[in-house]
Structure formats: C-alpha cells, structure tokens
Amino acid sequence: MNTIDIYKGGCKKCGICIAFCPRTVLSQGDDGFPFASNPEACTGCRWCELRCPDFAIVVHEDEHTDR
C-alpha cells in the first residue's frame, strides 16, 4: 500500500488533490484538510502530488505495488 503525506503547514485546503484523484483515495476532513480516506485504492499515479500548487502532498510508493 502506498503512503500519502499531506503537509498541513503548506496546504491551503484548495481540494485540487481530491478532485484529480482518479481512484477517490482522498477526502476532505472536518478541518478542511485532505486526508487518505481510502489509501488501499492508491495506485501511485501521483496526480494529487503533481497537481498540488503548494507541493504539500507526497506519495511514497510501496515497492510491492503493481501499477
């Protein structure tokens, strides 16, 4: 399973990462910050990471994950 780190200090809660995730891995929390609500569905495509305007999200791929 991939790990998704969201750096709240840099995140402005825009929701772009949530909108671009093709597998519905991310959701918006009660505090407005995104979080991995469905991490087992992450394929490591990094769309969330690539689209984040603040570089506040990083996907760490599990070496055993098949694309």
N, C-alpha and C. Protein backbone atom coordinates (compact mmCIF):
# COMPACT_ATOMS: atom_id res chain seq x y z
N MET A 1 0.85 -1.18 0.00
CA MET A 1 0.00 0.00 0.00
C MET A 1 0.90 1.24 0.00
N ASN A 2 0.52 2.22 -0.78
CA ASN A 2 1.25 3.48 -0.85
C ASN A 2 0.92 4.34 0.36
N THR A 3 1.84 5.23 0.69
CA THR A 3 1.64 6.15 1.80
C THR A 3 1.52 7.56 1.23
N ILE A 4 0.56 8.31 1.72
CA ILE A 4 0.34 9.67 1.26
C ILE A 4 0.56 10.61 2.42
N ASP A 5 1.54 11.51 2.28
CA ASP A 5 1.82 12.50 3.31
C ASP A 5 1.28 13.85 2.87
N ILE A 6 0.50 14.46 3.73
CA ILE A 6 -0.04 15.79 3.46
C ILE A 6 0.52 16.73 4.51
N TYR A 7 1.23 17.75 4.04
CA TYR A 7 1.87 18.71 4.92
C TYR A 7 0.93 19.88 5.17
N LYS A 8 0.28 19.86 6.31
CA LYS A 8 -0.75 20.86 6.61
C LYS A 8 -0.19 22.28 6.67
N GLY A 9 1.09 22.41 6.96
CA GLY A 9 1.69 23.74 7.00
C GLY A 9 1.74 24.41 5.64
N GLY A 10 1.74 23.62 4.59
CA GLY A 10 1.79 24.16 3.23
C GLY A 10 0.48 24.07 2.49
N CYS A 11 -0.44 23.28 2.99
CA CYS A 11 -1.73 23.06 2.33
C CYS A 11 -2.67 24.23 2.57
N LYS A 12 -3.30 24.71 1.49
CA LYS A 12 -4.28 25.79 1.64
C LYS A 12 -5.72 25.31 1.49
N LYS A 13 -5.89 23.98 1.52
CA LYS A 13 -7.22 23.35 1.51
C LYS A 13 -8.00 23.64 0.22
N CYS A 14 -7.30 23.71 -0.90
CA CYS A 14 -7.95 24.04 -2.16
C CYS A 14 -8.78 22.89 -2.73
N GLY A 15 -8.41 21.64 -2.40
CA GLY A 15 -9.16 20.48 -2.87
C GLY A 15 -8.76 19.96 -4.24
N ILE A 16 -7.72 20.55 -4.84
CA ILE A 16 -7.29 20.10 -6.16
C ILE A 16 -6.85 18.64 -6.12
N CYS A 17 -6.13 18.26 -5.08
CA CYS A 17 -5.67 16.87 -4.97
C CYS A 17 -6.85 15.90 -4.92
N ILE A 18 -7.89 16.29 -4.22
CA ILE A 18 -9.09 15.46 -4.11
C ILE A 18 -9.77 15.33 -5.47
N ALA A 19 -9.89 16.45 -6.17
CA ALA A 19 -10.57 16.47 -7.47
C ALA A 19 -9.84 15.66 -8.53
N PHE A 20 -8.50 15.65 -8.51
CA PHE A 20 -7.74 14.96 -9.54
C PHE A 20 -7.49 13.49 -9.26
N CYS A 21 -7.77 13.01 -8.06
CA CYS A 21 -7.52 11.60 -7.75
C CYS A 21 -8.49 10.71 -8.52
N PRO A 22 -7.98 9.86 -9.43
CA PRO A 22 -8.86 9.02 -10.22
C PRO A 22 -9.44 7.83 -9.46
N ARG A 23 -8.92 7.55 -8.26
CA ARG A 23 -9.36 6.38 -7.50
C ARG A 23 -10.11 6.75 -6.23
N THR A 24 -10.44 8.01 -6.05
CA THR A 24 -11.17 8.50 -4.87
C THR A 24 -10.47 8.08 -3.57
N VAL A 25 -9.17 8.30 -3.54
CA VAL A 25 -8.37 7.96 -2.36
C VAL A 25 -8.49 9.05 -1.30
N LEU A 26 -8.57 10.29 -1.74
CA LEU A 26 -8.56 11.43 -0.83
C LEU A 26 -9.96 11.98 -0.57
N SER A 27 -10.14 12.48 0.63
CA SER A 27 -11.39 13.14 1.03
C SER A 27 -11.03 14.38 1.84
N GLN A 28 -12.02 15.25 1.99
CA GLN A 28 -11.80 16.44 2.80
C GLN A 28 -12.26 16.17 4.23
N GLY A 29 -11.37 16.43 5.17
CA GLY A 29 -11.69 16.20 6.57
C GLY A 29 -12.53 17.33 7.15
N ASP A 30 -12.99 17.15 8.35
CA ASP A 30 -13.80 18.16 9.04
C ASP A 30 -13.05 19.47 9.21
N ASP A 31 -11.71 19.37 9.25
CA ASP A 31 -10.88 20.58 9.41
C ASP A 31 -10.56 21.23 8.06
N GLY A 32 -11.07 20.65 6.96
CA GLY A 32 -10.85 21.20 5.63
C GLY A 32 -9.64 20.65 4.91
N PHE A 33 -8.76 19.97 5.63
CA PHE A 33 -7.57 19.40 5.01
C PHE A 33 -7.89 18.07 4.35
N PRO A 34 -7.23 17.76 3.25
CA PRO A 34 -7.41 16.45 2.63
C PRO A 34 -6.75 15.37 3.48
N PHE A 35 -7.28 14.17 3.37
CA PHE A 35 -6.67 13.01 4.03
C PHE A 35 -6.96 11.77 3.20
N ALA A 36 -6.16 10.75 3.39
CA ALA A 36 -6.32 9.50 2.64
C ALA A 36 -7.40 8.66 3.30
N SER A 37 -8.62 8.78 2.82
CA SER A 37 -9.74 8.03 3.38
C SER A 37 -9.82 6.62 2.81
N ASN A 38 -9.17 6.39 1.67
CA ASN A 38 -9.20 5.09 1.01
C ASN A 38 -7.80 4.76 0.48
N PRO A 39 -6.78 4.70 1.37
CA PRO A 39 -5.39 4.54 0.92
C PRO A 39 -5.11 3.25 0.17
N GLU A 40 -5.87 2.21 0.44
CA GLU A 40 -5.63 0.94 -0.24
C GLU A 40 -5.96 1.01 -1.73
N ALA A 41 -6.70 2.02 -2.16
CA ALA A 41 -7.04 2.18 -3.57
C ALA A 41 -5.98 2.95 -4.35
N CYS A 42 -5.00 3.51 -3.66
CA CYS A 42 -3.97 4.33 -4.31
C CYS A 42 -3.09 3.46 -5.21
N THR A 43 -2.96 3.88 -6.46
CA THR A 43 -2.12 3.16 -7.42
C THR A 43 -0.74 3.81 -7.59
N GLY A 44 -0.53 4.93 -6.93
CA GLY A 44 0.75 5.62 -7.04
C GLY A 44 0.87 6.45 -8.30
N CYS A 45 -0.23 6.88 -8.88
CA CYS A 45 -0.19 7.66 -10.12
C CYS A 45 0.37 9.07 -9.90
N ARG A 46 0.30 9.55 -8.68
CA ARG A 46 0.84 10.84 -8.27
C ARG A 46 0.11 12.06 -8.84
N TRP A 47 -1.10 11.87 -9.35
CA TRP A 47 -1.85 13.02 -9.87
C TRP A 47 -2.06 14.05 -8.77
N CYS A 48 -2.31 13.62 -7.57
CA CYS A 48 -2.51 14.55 -6.46
C CYS A 48 -1.24 15.35 -6.20
N GLU A 49 -0.12 14.66 -6.21
CA GLU A 49 1.17 15.29 -5.95
C GLU A 49 1.55 16.27 -7.07
N LEU A 50 1.34 15.87 -8.31
CA LEU A 50 1.71 16.70 -9.45
C LEU A 50 0.83 17.93 -9.60
N ARG A 51 -0.41 17.85 -9.18
CA ARG A 51 -1.34 18.97 -9.34
C ARG A 51 -1.38 19.93 -8.16
N CYS A 52 -0.79 19.56 -7.05
CA CYS A 52 -0.82 20.41 -5.86
C CYS A 52 0.00 21.68 -6.12
N PRO A 53 -0.64 22.86 -6.08
CA PRO A 53 0.10 24.10 -6.36
C PRO A 53 1.06 24.49 -5.24
N ASP A 54 0.94 23.88 -4.08
CA ASP A 54 1.76 24.24 -2.93
C ASP A 54 2.78 23.16 -2.56
N PHE A 55 2.86 22.10 -3.37
CA PHE A 55 3.79 20.98 -3.11
C PHE A 55 3.59 20.44 -1.69
N ALA A 56 2.34 20.34 -1.27
CA ALA A 56 2.02 19.95 0.11
C ALA A 56 1.63 18.48 0.24
N ILE A 57 1.75 17.72 -0.83
CA ILE A 57 1.38 16.31 -0.77
C ILE A 57 2.46 15.48 -1.47
N VAL A 58 2.81 14.36 -0.85
CA VAL A 58 3.83 13.48 -1.40
C VAL A 58 3.33 12.04 -1.31
N VAL A 59 3.47 11.32 -2.40
CA VAL A 59 3.08 9.91 -2.44
C VAL A 59 4.36 9.07 -2.36
N HIS A 60 4.40 8.19 -1.40
CA HIS A 60 5.52 7.27 -1.25
C HIS A 60 5.03 5.90 -1.71
N GLU A 61 5.59 5.42 -2.81
CA GLU A 61 5.15 4.15 -3.36
C GLU A 61 5.71 2.97 -2.58
N ASP A 62 4.83 2.03 -2.33
CA ASP A 62 5.22 0.75 -1.75
C ASP A 62 5.93 -0.03 -2.85
N GLU A 63 7.08 -0.59 -2.53
CA GLU A 63 7.84 -1.31 -3.54
C GLU A 63 7.12 -2.54 -4.08
N HIS A 64 6.06 -2.96 -3.41
CA HIS A 64 5.32 -4.15 -3.83
C HIS A 64 4.04 -3.80 -4.56
N THR A 65 3.79 -2.53 -4.84
CA THR A 65 2.56 -2.11 -5.50
C THR A 65 2.69 -2.32 -7.01
N ASP A 66 1.70 -2.98 -7.59
CA ASP A 66 1.66 -3.16 -9.05
C ASP A 66 0.88 -2.02 -9.65
N ARG A 67 1.36 -1.49 -10.74
CA ARG A 67 0.66 -0.39 -11.42
C ARG A 67 -0.31 -0.94 -12.42
